Amino acid sequence: MGLALCPTSTAMGDWRALEQVKHYGGRIEKTIHPLAPFGFRAVIRDSEGNRVALHSMVMN
């Protein structure tokens, strides 16, 4: 069985949250990648093992 993925939006391409992932005990599972035509996302795993997708319609 796969694990659920909780999506959240970033503020118009503000990807600074990725810089904080390791500091708070998480890890980046997938770096920023396109979801054409739906924008961009990155997938992280937080310190408790939850998968979270960060999404934005713009890259930067």
C-alpha atoms as a PDB file:
ATOM      1  CA  MET A   1       0.000   0.000   0.000  1.00  0.00           C
ATOM      2  CA  GLY A   2       1.342   3.452  -0.906  1.00  0.00           C
ATOM      3  CA  LEU A   3       1.567   6.309   1.525  1.00  0.00           C
ATOM      4  CA  ALA A   4      -0.646   9.356   1.206  1.00  0.00           C
ATOM      5  CA  LEU A   5       0.835  12.579  -0.123  1.00  0.00           C
ATOM      6  CA  CYS A   6      -0.306  15.817   1.505  1.00  0.00           C
ATOM      7  CA  PRO A   7      -0.073  18.746  -0.958  1.00  0.00           C
ATOM      8  CA  THR A   8       0.499  22.339   0.089  1.00  0.00           C
ATOM      9  CA  SER A   9       1.095  25.457  -1.985  1.00  0.00           C
ATOM     10  CA  THR A  10       4.107  27.746  -1.878  1.00  0.00           C
ATOM     11  CA  ALA A  11       3.731  31.499  -2.344  1.00  0.00           C
ATOM     12  CA  MET A  12       4.199  32.026  -6.082  1.00  0.00           C
ATOM     13  CA  GLY A  13       7.485  30.201  -6.509  1.00  0.00           C
ATOM     14  CA  ASP A  14       8.877  30.791  -3.026  1.00  0.00           C
ATOM     15  CA  TRP A  15      10.806  27.563  -2.526  1.00  0.00           C
ATOM     16  CA  ARG A  16      12.742  28.693   0.578  1.00  0.00           C
ATOM     17  CA  ALA A  17      10.958  26.023   2.623  1.00  0.00           C
ATOM     18  CA  LEU A  18      13.160  23.424   0.893  1.00  0.00           C
ATOM     19  CA  GLU A  19      16.224  25.040   2.454  1.00  0.00           C
ATOM     20  CA  GLN A  20      14.807  24.283   5.929  1.00  0.00           C
ATOM     21  CA  VAL A  21      13.842  20.622   5.444  1.00  0.00           C
ATOM     22  CA  LYS A  22      17.133  19.034   6.585  1.00  0.00           C
ATOM     23  CA  HIS A  23      17.544  21.528   9.422  1.00  0.00           C
ATOM     24  CA  TYR A  24      14.273  20.307  10.943  1.00  0.00           C
ATOM     25  CA  GLY A  25      14.985  16.598  10.507  1.00  0.00           C
ATOM     26  CA  GLY A  26      13.276  15.944   7.173  1.00  0.00           C
ATOM     27  CA  ARG A  27      14.587  14.964   3.769  1.00  0.00           C
ATOM     28  CA  ILE A  28      13.891  15.945   0.179  1.00  0.00           C
ATOM     29  CA  GLU A  29      12.565  12.951  -1.754  1.00  0.00           C
ATOM     30  CA  LYS A  30      12.106  14.693  -5.125  1.00  0.00           C
ATOM     31  CA  THR A  31      13.630  18.035  -6.006  1.00  0.00           C
ATOM     32  CA  ILE A  32      11.577  20.673  -7.852  1.00  0.00           C
ATOM     33  CA  HIS A  33      10.156  19.159 -11.027  1.00  0.00           C
ATOM     34  CA  PRO A  34       7.472  20.178 -13.570  1.00  0.00           C
ATOM     35  CA  LEU A  35       3.890  18.902 -13.493  1.00  0.00           C
ATOM     36  CA  ALA A  36       2.950  20.376 -16.858  1.00  0.00           C
ATOM     37  CA  PRO A  37       0.562  22.096 -17.246  1.00  0.00           C
ATOM     38  CA  PHE A  38      -0.115  22.267 -13.498  1.00  0.00           C
ATOM     39  CA  GLY A  39       3.045  24.036 -12.317  1.00  0.00           C
ATOM     40  CA  PHE A  40       5.929  22.618 -10.293  1.00  0.00           C
ATOM     41  CA  ARG A  41       6.351  20.578  -7.130  1.00  0.00           C
ATOM     42  CA  ALA A  42       8.887  19.113  -4.767  1.00  0.00           C
ATOM     43  CA  VAL A  43       8.241  16.168  -2.451  1.00  0.00           C
ATOM     44  CA  ILE A  44       9.649  16.045   1.067  1.00  0.00           C
ATOM     45  CA  ARG A  45       9.367  13.722   4.041  1.00  0.00           C
ATOM     46  CA  ASP A  46       9.086  15.512   7.371  1.00  0.00           C
ATOM     47  CA  SER A  47      10.740  14.480  10.651  1.00  0.00           C
ATOM     48  CA  GLU A  48       7.730  12.287  11.530  1.00  0.00           C
ATOM     49  CA  GLY A  49       7.760  10.427   8.217  1.00  0.00           C
ATOM     50  CA  ASN A  50       4.864  12.251   6.547  1.00  0.00           C
ATOM     51  CA  ARG A  51       5.167  12.900   2.797  1.00  0.00           C
ATOM     52  CA  VAL A  52       4.386  16.476   1.771  1.00  0.00           C
ATOM     53  CA  ALA A  53       4.282  17.945  -1.736  1.00  0.00           C
ATOM     54  CA  LEU A  54       5.140  21.633  -2.095  1.00  0.00           C
ATOM     55  CA  HIS A  55       3.415  23.088  -5.169  1.00  0.00           C
ATOM     56  CA  SER A  56       3.597  26.347  -7.101  1.00  0.00           C
ATOM     57  CA  MET A  57       2.390  27.454 -10.528  1.00  0.00           C
ATOM     58  CA  VAL A  58       5.740  29.220 -11.128  1.00  0.00           C
ATOM     59  CA  MET A  59       9.315  28.037 -10.736  1.00  0.00           C
ATOM     60  CA  ASN A  60      10.746  31.143  -9.053  1.00  0.00           C
END
